[in-house]
C-alpha atoms as a PDB file:
ATOM      1  CA  MET A   1      -2.868  -0.761  32.781  1.00  0.00           C
ATOM      2  CA  THR A   2      -0.258   0.245  30.179  1.00  0.00           C
ATOM      3  CA  SER A   3      -0.970   1.457  26.663  1.00  0.00           C
ATOM      4  CA  SER A   4       0.750  -2.083  25.277  1.00  0.00           C
ATOM      5  CA  THR A   5      -1.804  -4.047  26.968  1.00  0.00           C
ATOM      6  CA  PRO A   6      -4.015  -6.195  24.562  1.00  0.00           C
ATOM      7  CA  LEU A   7      -6.448  -4.330  25.938  1.00  0.00           C
ATOM      8  CA  SER A   8      -5.624  -1.222  25.393  1.00  0.00           C
ATOM      9  CA  LEU A   9      -4.880  -2.265  21.343  1.00  0.00           C
ATOM     10  CA  ASP A  10      -8.512  -3.244  21.154  1.00  0.00           C
ATOM     11  CA  ARG A  11      -9.348   0.164  22.220  1.00  0.00           C
ATOM     12  CA  ALA A  12      -6.521   2.146  20.057  1.00  0.00           C
ATOM     13  CA  ARG A  13      -7.646  -0.053  16.997  1.00  0.00           C
ATOM     14  CA  PHE A  14     -11.447   0.882  17.545  1.00  0.00           C
ATOM     15  CA  ASN A  15     -10.397   4.363  17.728  1.00  0.00           C
ATOM     16  CA  MET A  16      -8.351   4.203  14.749  1.00  0.00           C
ATOM     17  CA  ILE A  17     -11.232   2.821  12.538  1.00  0.00           C
ATOM     18  CA  GLU A  18     -13.539   5.195  13.947  1.00  0.00           C
ATOM     19  CA  GLN A  19     -11.707   8.443  14.727  1.00  0.00           C
ATOM     20  CA  GLN A  20      -9.193   8.142  11.626  1.00  0.00           C
ATOM     21  CA  VAL A  21     -10.449   5.544   8.944  1.00  0.00           C
ATOM     22  CA  ARG A  22     -14.447   6.326   8.649  1.00  0.00           C
ATOM     23  CA  PRO A  23     -13.741  10.352   8.596  1.00  0.00           C
ATOM     24  CA  TRP A  24     -11.462   9.630   5.695  1.00  0.00           C
ATOM     25  CA  GLU A  25     -14.446   7.772   3.686  1.00  0.00           C
ATOM     26  CA  VAL A  26     -13.702   4.460   4.377  1.00  0.00           C
ATOM     27  CA  LEU A  27     -16.969   2.573   4.417  1.00  0.00           C
ATOM     28  CA  ASP A  28     -16.505  -0.702   2.455  1.00  0.00           C
ATOM     29  CA  PRO A  29     -17.964  -3.092   4.945  1.00  0.00           C
ATOM     30  CA  ALA A  30     -15.410  -5.581   4.342  1.00  0.00           C
ATOM     31  CA  VAL A  31     -12.042  -2.969   4.546  1.00  0.00           C
ATOM     32  CA  LEU A  32     -13.816  -1.950   7.798  1.00  0.00           C
ATOM     33  CA  GLU A  33     -14.116  -5.470   9.233  1.00  0.00           C
ATOM     34  CA  LEU A  34     -10.155  -6.262   7.638  1.00  0.00           C
ATOM     35  CA  LEU A  35      -8.718  -3.137   9.717  1.00  0.00           C
ATOM     36  CA  ASP A  36     -10.535  -4.978  12.902  1.00  0.00           C
ATOM     37  CA  ARG A  37      -9.070  -7.911  12.265  1.00  0.00           C
ATOM     38  CA  VAL A  38      -6.054  -8.162  11.007  1.00  0.00           C
ATOM     39  CA  ARG A  39      -3.888  -6.433  13.837  1.00  0.00           C
ATOM     40  CA  ARG A  40      -1.374  -3.425  12.831  1.00  0.00           C
ATOM     41  CA  ASP A  41       0.417  -4.254  16.001  1.00  0.00           C
ATOM     42  CA  GLN A  42       1.625  -7.570  15.223  1.00  0.00           C
ATOM     43  CA  PHE A  43       3.153  -5.413  11.895  1.00  0.00           C
ATOM     44  CA  VAL A  44       5.508  -3.115  13.957  1.00  0.00           C
ATOM     45  CA  SER A  45       8.528  -2.889  15.842  1.00  0.00           C
ATOM     46  CA  ARG A  46       7.904  -4.196  19.483  1.00  0.00           C
ATOM     47  CA  ALA A  47       9.062  -0.407  20.273  1.00  0.00           C
ATOM     48  CA  GLN A  48       6.506   1.145  18.193  1.00  0.00           C
ATOM     49  CA  LYS A  49       3.357  -1.050  19.317  1.00  0.00           C
ATOM     50  CA  ALA A  50       1.608   1.717  21.198  1.00  0.00           C
ATOM     51  CA  LEU A  51       2.042   3.405  18.007  1.00  0.00           C
ATOM     52  CA  ALA A  52       0.612   0.910  16.188  1.00  0.00           C
ATOM     53  CA  TYR A  53      -2.891   2.777  15.666  1.00  0.00           C
ATOM     54  CA  VAL A  54      -1.919   6.280  16.236  1.00  0.00           C
ATOM     55  CA  ASP A  55      -2.359   8.386  13.046  1.00  0.00           C
ATOM     56  CA  MET A  56       0.818   8.904  11.697  1.00  0.00           C
ATOM     57  CA  GLU A  57       3.946   7.045   9.478  1.00  0.00           C
ATOM     58  CA  LEU A  58       6.034   4.723  11.229  1.00  0.00           C
ATOM     59  CA  PRO A  59       9.473   4.247  10.176  1.00  0.00           C
ATOM     60  CA  LEU A  60      10.758   1.631   9.154  1.00  0.00           C
ATOM     61  CA  GLY A  61      14.778   1.538   8.328  1.00  0.00           C
ATOM     62  CA  HIS A  62      17.690   4.140   8.144  1.00  0.00           C
ATOM     63  CA  GLY A  63      16.050   6.629   5.460  1.00  0.00           C
ATOM     64  CA  ALA A  64      13.309   8.991   5.496  1.00  0.00           C
ATOM     65  CA  ASP A  65      11.889   6.956   2.543  1.00  0.00           C
ATOM     66  CA  GLN A  66      11.454   3.700   4.956  1.00  0.00           C
ATOM     67  CA  VAL A  67       7.921   4.175   6.611  1.00  0.00           C
ATOM     68  CA  MET A  68       4.929   2.340   7.141  1.00  0.00           C
ATOM     69  CA  LEU A  69       2.120   4.708   5.622  1.00  0.00           C
ATOM     70  CA  ALA A  70      -0.106   6.170   8.228  1.00  0.00           C
ATOM     71  CA  PRO A  71      -3.569   3.771   8.870  1.00  0.00           C
ATOM     72  CA  ARG A  72      -6.175   6.033   7.273  1.00  0.00           C
ATOM     73  CA  VAL A  73      -4.061   6.008   3.824  1.00  0.00           C
ATOM     74  CA  GLN A  74      -3.232   2.692   3.798  1.00  0.00           C
ATOM     75  CA  ALA A  75      -7.097   2.144   4.203  1.00  0.00           C
ATOM     76  CA  ARG A  76      -8.527   3.696   1.553  1.00  0.00           C
ATOM     77  CA  MET A  77      -5.907   3.126  -0.637  1.00  0.00           C
ATOM     78  CA  VAL A  78      -6.974  -0.628  -0.266  1.00  0.00           C
ATOM     79  CA  GLN A  79     -10.767   0.488  -0.900  1.00  0.00           C
ATOM     80  CA  ASP A  80     -10.273   2.396  -3.842  1.00  0.00           C
ATOM     81  CA  LEU A  81      -8.714  -0.466  -5.230  1.00  0.00           C
ATOM     82  CA  ALA A  82     -12.020  -1.939  -5.245  1.00  0.00           C
ATOM     83  CA  LEU A  83     -10.012  -5.697  -5.156  1.00  0.00           C
ATOM     84  CA  LYS A  84     -12.101  -8.853  -6.284  1.00  0.00           C
ATOM     85  CA  ALA A  85     -11.490 -12.298  -4.850  1.00  0.00           C
ATOM     86  CA  THR A  86     -10.669 -13.566  -8.124  1.00  0.00           C
ATOM     87  CA  ASP A  87      -7.479 -10.507  -8.034  1.00  0.00           C
ATOM     88  CA  LYS A  88      -3.813 -11.193  -9.147  1.00  0.00           C
ATOM     89  CA  VAL A  89      -2.097  -7.913  -6.911  1.00  0.00           C
ATOM     90  CA  LEU A  90       1.062  -6.209  -7.332  1.00  0.00           C
ATOM     91  CA  GLU A  91       2.234  -4.428  -4.202  1.00  0.00           C
ATOM     92  CA  ILE A  92       5.104  -1.946  -4.842  1.00  0.00           C
ATOM     93  CA  GLY A  93       7.003  -1.351  -1.740  1.00  0.00           C
ATOM     94  CA  THR A  94       5.914  -4.139   0.798  1.00  0.00           C
ATOM     95  CA  GLY A  95       7.517  -1.864   3.894  1.00  0.00           C
ATOM     96  CA  SER A  96       5.911  -3.692   7.275  1.00  0.00           C
ATOM     97  CA  GLY A  97       3.498  -5.853   4.860  1.00  0.00           C
ATOM     98  CA  TYR A  98       0.102  -4.780   6.769  1.00  0.00           C
ATOM     99  CA  THR A  99      -1.274  -3.466   3.944  1.00  0.00           C
ATOM    100  CA  THR A 100      -0.054  -6.452   1.838  1.00  0.00           C
ATOM    101  CA  ALA A 101      -2.240  -8.524   4.052  1.00  0.00           C
ATOM    102  CA  LEU A 102      -4.961  -6.488   3.938  1.00  0.00           C
ATOM    103  CA  LEU A 103      -4.783  -6.519  -0.155  1.00  0.00           C
ATOM    104  CA  ALA A 104      -4.080 -10.552   0.227  1.00  0.00           C
ATOM    105  CA  SER A 105      -7.262 -10.875   2.487  1.00  0.00           C
ATOM    106  CA  LEU A 106      -9.153  -9.372  -0.403  1.00  0.00           C
ATOM    107  CA  ALA A 107      -7.364 -10.964  -3.301  1.00  0.00           C
ATOM    108  CA  GLN A 108      -6.558 -14.273  -4.489  1.00  0.00           C
ATOM    109  CA  ARG A 109      -2.864 -13.330  -4.805  1.00  0.00           C
ATOM    110  CA  VAL A 110      -0.498 -10.555  -4.152  1.00  0.00           C
ATOM    111  CA  VAL A 111       3.090 -10.456  -5.138  1.00  0.00           C
ATOM    112  CA  SER A 112       4.900  -7.354  -2.904  1.00  0.00           C
ATOM    113  CA  LEU A 113       8.398  -6.273  -4.431  1.00  0.00           C
ATOM    114  CA  GLU A 114      10.529  -4.385  -1.707  1.00  0.00           C
ATOM    115  CA  ILE A 115      13.551  -2.832  -2.530  1.00  0.00           C
ATOM    116  CA  ASP A 116      15.317  -3.114   0.986  1.00  0.00           C
ATOM    117  CA  ASP A 117      16.283  -6.458   2.188  1.00  0.00           C
ATOM    118  CA  ALA A 118      16.017  -6.674   5.882  1.00  0.00           C
ATOM    119  CA  ILE A 119      12.811  -4.409   5.291  1.00  0.00           C
ATOM    120  CA  ALA A 120      11.411  -7.523   3.216  1.00  0.00           C
ATOM    121  CA  SER A 121      12.257 -10.511   5.449  1.00  0.00           C
ATOM    122  CA  ALA A 122      10.336  -8.329   8.497  1.00  0.00           C
ATOM    123  CA  ALA A 123       7.541  -7.934   6.312  1.00  0.00           C
ATOM    124  CA  ARG A 124       7.752 -11.491   5.558  1.00  0.00           C
ATOM    125  CA  LYS A 125       8.154 -12.449   9.291  1.00  0.00           C
ATOM    126  CA  ASN A 126       5.010 -10.592   9.528  1.00  0.00           C
ATOM    127  CA  LEU A 127       2.703 -12.360   7.220  1.00  0.00           C
ATOM    128  CA  GLN A 128       3.858 -15.541   8.230  1.00  0.00           C
ATOM    129  CA  GLN A 129       2.549 -14.482  12.290  1.00  0.00           C
ATOM    130  CA  ALA A 130      -0.443 -13.123  10.876  1.00  0.00           C
ATOM    131  CA  GLY A 131      -1.221 -16.480   8.827  1.00  0.00           C
ATOM    132  CA  ILE A 132      -1.158 -14.692   5.608  1.00  0.00           C
ATOM    133  CA  THR A 133      -0.803 -17.235   2.782  1.00  0.00           C
ATOM    134  CA  ASN A 134      -1.379 -16.123  -0.373  1.00  0.00           C
ATOM    135  CA  ALA A 135       0.908 -12.957  -0.437  1.00  0.00           C
ATOM    136  CA  GLU A 136       4.901 -13.582  -1.787  1.00  0.00           C
ATOM    137  CA  VAL A 137       7.256 -10.776  -0.625  1.00  0.00           C
ATOM    138  CA  ARG A 138      10.408 -10.339  -3.437  1.00  0.00           C
ATOM    139  CA  VAL A 139      13.747  -8.083  -2.682  1.00  0.00           C
ATOM    140  CA  ALA A 140      13.403  -6.359  -6.341  1.00  0.00           C
ATOM    141  CA  ASP A 141      13.953  -2.529  -7.341  1.00  0.00           C
ATOM    142  CA  ALA A 142      10.422  -2.165  -9.082  1.00  0.00           C
ATOM    143  CA  ALA A 143      11.821   0.514 -11.525  1.00  0.00           C
ATOM    144  CA  ALA A 144      14.875  -1.432 -12.566  1.00  0.00           C
ATOM    145  CA  ASN A 145      15.084  -2.253 -16.532  1.00  0.00           C
ATOM    146  CA  GLY A 146      11.739  -0.994 -17.451  1.00  0.00           C
ATOM    147  CA  PHE A 147       9.533  -2.589 -14.598  1.00  0.00           C
ATOM    148  CA  ALA A 148      10.728  -6.331 -15.601  1.00  0.00           C
ATOM    149  CA  ALA A 149      10.534  -7.152 -11.850  1.00  0.00           C
ATOM    150  CA  CYS A 150       6.507  -6.649 -11.813  1.00  0.00           C
ATOM    151  CA  ALA A 151       5.852  -7.744 -15.647  1.00  0.00           C
ATOM    152  CA  ALA A 152       7.712 -11.633 -14.888  1.00  0.00           C
ATOM    153  CA  GLU A 153       4.078 -12.736 -13.853  1.00  0.00           C
ATOM    154  CA  GLY A 154       1.651 -10.005 -15.739  1.00  0.00           C
ATOM    155  CA  PRO A 155      -0.423  -8.878 -16.372  1.00  0.00           C
ATOM    156  CA  TRP A 156      -2.193  -7.897 -12.909  1.00  0.00           C
ATOM    157  CA  ASP A 157      -5.932  -6.567 -12.113  1.00  0.00           C
ATOM    158  CA  ALA A 158      -4.914  -4.366  -9.423  1.00  0.00           C
ATOM    159  CA  ILE A 159      -1.572  -2.120  -8.646  1.00  0.00           C
ATOM    160  CA  LEU A 160      -1.012  -0.807  -5.816  1.00  0.00           C
ATOM    161  CA  VAL A 161       2.060   1.694  -5.417  1.00  0.00           C
ATOM    162  CA  ALA A 162       3.217   2.319  -1.877  1.00  0.00           C
ATOM    163  CA  GLY A 163       4.123   5.855  -2.106  1.00  0.00           C
ATOM    164  CA  SER A 164       4.207   8.677  -3.574  1.00  0.00           C
ATOM    165  CA  VAL A 165       5.617   8.839  -7.384  1.00  0.00           C
ATOM    166  CA  ALA A 166       6.111  12.174  -9.262  1.00  0.00           C
ATOM    167  CA  GLU A 167       3.733  10.619 -12.514  1.00  0.00           C
ATOM    168  CA  VAL A 168       1.898   7.110 -13.037  1.00  0.00           C
ATOM    169  CA  PRO A 169       4.750   5.355 -15.177  1.00  0.00           C
ATOM    170  CA  ALA A 170       3.360   4.266 -18.284  1.00  0.00           C
ATOM    171  CA  GLY A 171       5.075   0.920 -18.115  1.00  0.00           C
ATOM    172  CA  LEU A 172       3.137  -0.198 -14.911  1.00  0.00           C
ATOM    173  CA  LEU A 173       0.117   0.515 -16.717  1.00  0.00           C
ATOM    174  CA  ALA A 174       0.902  -1.466 -19.273  1.00  0.00           C
ATOM    175  CA  LEU A 175       0.879  -4.387 -17.073  1.00  0.00           C
ATOM    176  CA  LEU A 176      -3.049  -3.849 -15.743  1.00  0.00           C
ATOM    177  CA  THR A 177      -5.306  -6.724 -17.426  1.00  0.00           C
ATOM    178  CA  LYS A 178      -8.783  -5.013 -18.923  1.00  0.00           C
ATOM    179  CA  GLY A 179     -10.808  -3.323 -16.488  1.00  0.00           C
ATOM    180  CA  GLY A 180      -7.288  -3.520 -13.848  1.00  0.00           C
ATOM    181  CA  ARG A 181      -6.927  -0.619 -11.479  1.00  0.00           C
ATOM    182  CA  LEU A 182      -3.964   0.867 -10.473  1.00  0.00           C
ATOM    183  CA  ILE A 183      -3.680   2.882  -7.392  1.00  0.00           C
ATOM    184  CA  ALA A 184      -0.667   5.332  -6.987  1.00  0.00           C
ATOM    185  CA  ILE A 185      -0.118   8.986  -4.598  1.00  0.00           C
ATOM    186  CA  VAL A 186       1.174  11.383  -7.672  1.00  0.00           C
ATOM    187  CA  GLY A 187       2.556  14.605  -7.403  1.00  0.00           C
ATOM    188  CA  HIS A 188       4.876  16.680  -5.608  1.00  0.00           C
ATOM    189  CA  GLU A 189       4.884  18.290  -2.052  1.00  0.00           C
ATOM    190  CA  PRO A 190       2.697  20.365  -1.052  1.00  0.00           C
ATOM    191  CA  VAL A 191       0.368  18.732  -3.210  1.00  0.00           C
ATOM    192  CA  MET A 192      -0.254  15.493  -3.904  1.00  0.00           C
ATOM    193  CA  ARG A 193      -3.259  13.291  -5.145  1.00  0.00           C
ATOM    194  CA  ALA A 194      -4.766   9.601  -5.054  1.00  0.00           C
ATOM    195  CA  THR A 195      -4.644   8.710  -8.442  1.00  0.00           C
ATOM    196  CA  VAL A 196      -6.689   5.334  -9.378  1.00  0.00           C
ATOM    197  CA  VAL A 197      -6.102   4.662 -13.264  1.00  0.00           C
ATOM    198  CA  THR A 198      -8.734   2.052 -14.341  1.00  0.00           C
ATOM    199  CA  ARG A 199      -7.950  -0.036 -17.870  1.00  0.00           C
ATOM    200  CA  VAL A 200     -10.940   0.619 -19.707  1.00  0.00           C
ATOM    201  CA  ASP A 201      -9.384  -1.228 -23.134  1.00  0.00           C
ATOM    202  CA  ASP A 202      -6.025  -2.042 -24.930  1.00  0.00           C
ATOM    203  CA  ALA A 203      -4.967   1.747 -25.242  1.00  0.00           C
ATOM    204  CA  GLY A 204      -7.657   3.628 -23.161  1.00  0.00           C
ATOM    205  CA  PHE A 205      -7.471   4.580 -19.626  1.00  0.00           C
ATOM    206  CA  SER A 206      -9.880   6.582 -17.104  1.00  0.00           C
ATOM    207  CA  THR A 207      -8.252   8.477 -14.122  1.00  0.00           C
ATOM    208  CA  GLN A 208      -9.754   9.567 -10.757  1.00  0.00           C
ATOM    209  CA  GLN A 209      -8.134  11.632  -8.460  1.00  0.00           C
ATOM    210  CA  PRO A 210     -10.372  11.315  -5.250  1.00  0.00           C
ATOM    211  CA  TRP A 211      -8.445  12.823  -2.021  1.00  0.00           C
ATOM    212  CA  ASP A 212      -4.921  14.363  -1.493  1.00  0.00           C
ATOM    213  CA  THR A 213      -2.363  13.768   1.087  1.00  0.00           C
ATOM    214  CA  ILE A 214       1.404  13.493   1.181  1.00  0.00           C
ATOM    215  CA  ALA A 215       3.851  10.497   1.729  1.00  0.00           C
ATOM    216  CA  PRO A 216       7.672  10.282   0.997  1.00  0.00           C
ATOM    217  CA  ARG A 217       8.932   9.156  -2.552  1.00  0.00           C
ATOM    218  CA  LEU A 218       9.352   5.483  -3.587  1.00  0.00           C
ATOM    219  CA  ARG A 219      13.449   4.609  -4.464  1.00  0.00           C
ATOM    220  CA  ASN A 220      14.257   5.117  -8.107  1.00  0.00           C
ATOM    221  CA  PHE A 221      11.173   6.440  -9.954  1.00  0.00           C
ATOM    222  CA  ALA A 222      11.620   8.697 -12.859  1.00  0.00           C
ATOM    223  CA  GLU A 223      11.443  12.461 -11.751  1.00  0.00           C
ATOM    224  CA  PRO A 224      10.791  14.382 -15.023  1.00  0.00           C
ATOM    225  CA  SER A 225      11.273  17.828 -15.205  1.00  0.00           C
ATOM    226  CA  ARG A 226       8.973  20.315 -13.327  1.00  0.00           C
ATOM    227  CA  PHE A 227       9.198  23.456 -15.908  1.00  0.00           C
ATOM    228  CA  SER A 228       8.380  23.140 -19.416  1.00  0.00           C
ATOM    229  CA  PHE A 229       9.891  25.863 -21.847  1.00  0.00           C
END
């Protein structure tokens, strides 16, 4: 029996949940159930199916920044957004569409922005085949023109930034509803931290950085100087 047979993929998915995801403190029953139900192998290329549940990033395009994040990172980010069934969610960086599918399964609606046309097209196909009907993938540079593409349907109850940024842009925080949450991976190698920002009121935000990881940069987000004088 080869590693690409359904039984082997079922075992690989079980091992992913129990050996990768749970040890990363992903313990929300709703998220764990989703990881079992939404088949990650349906969101990768045929050549990558045997790697769908491995603890690694998978390349999606020609650039080093075009990857599908590791399963444990995707799962923890989704869990830490604490989505409700009434939430309207913005995702920046669609990738394969797998995180999009997880978000859409927990929220009312997801709008996902992807800068690469070919990757966006593949993600739409993946989502359609997975039966996800409440997520829309749009081709857009999220950071362009003061986050104009992000603001089009805002404000948002939750925003997931599916990659790393040097800092959380104020322009994105301004698009959160009261009580809205944003999660992004923030910092510079070798130290980056998952950062969860919650809008407390019109002018106030609370920030938590519950775990560390490394992720490729999102394209075209500002890189402020790391040095001060």
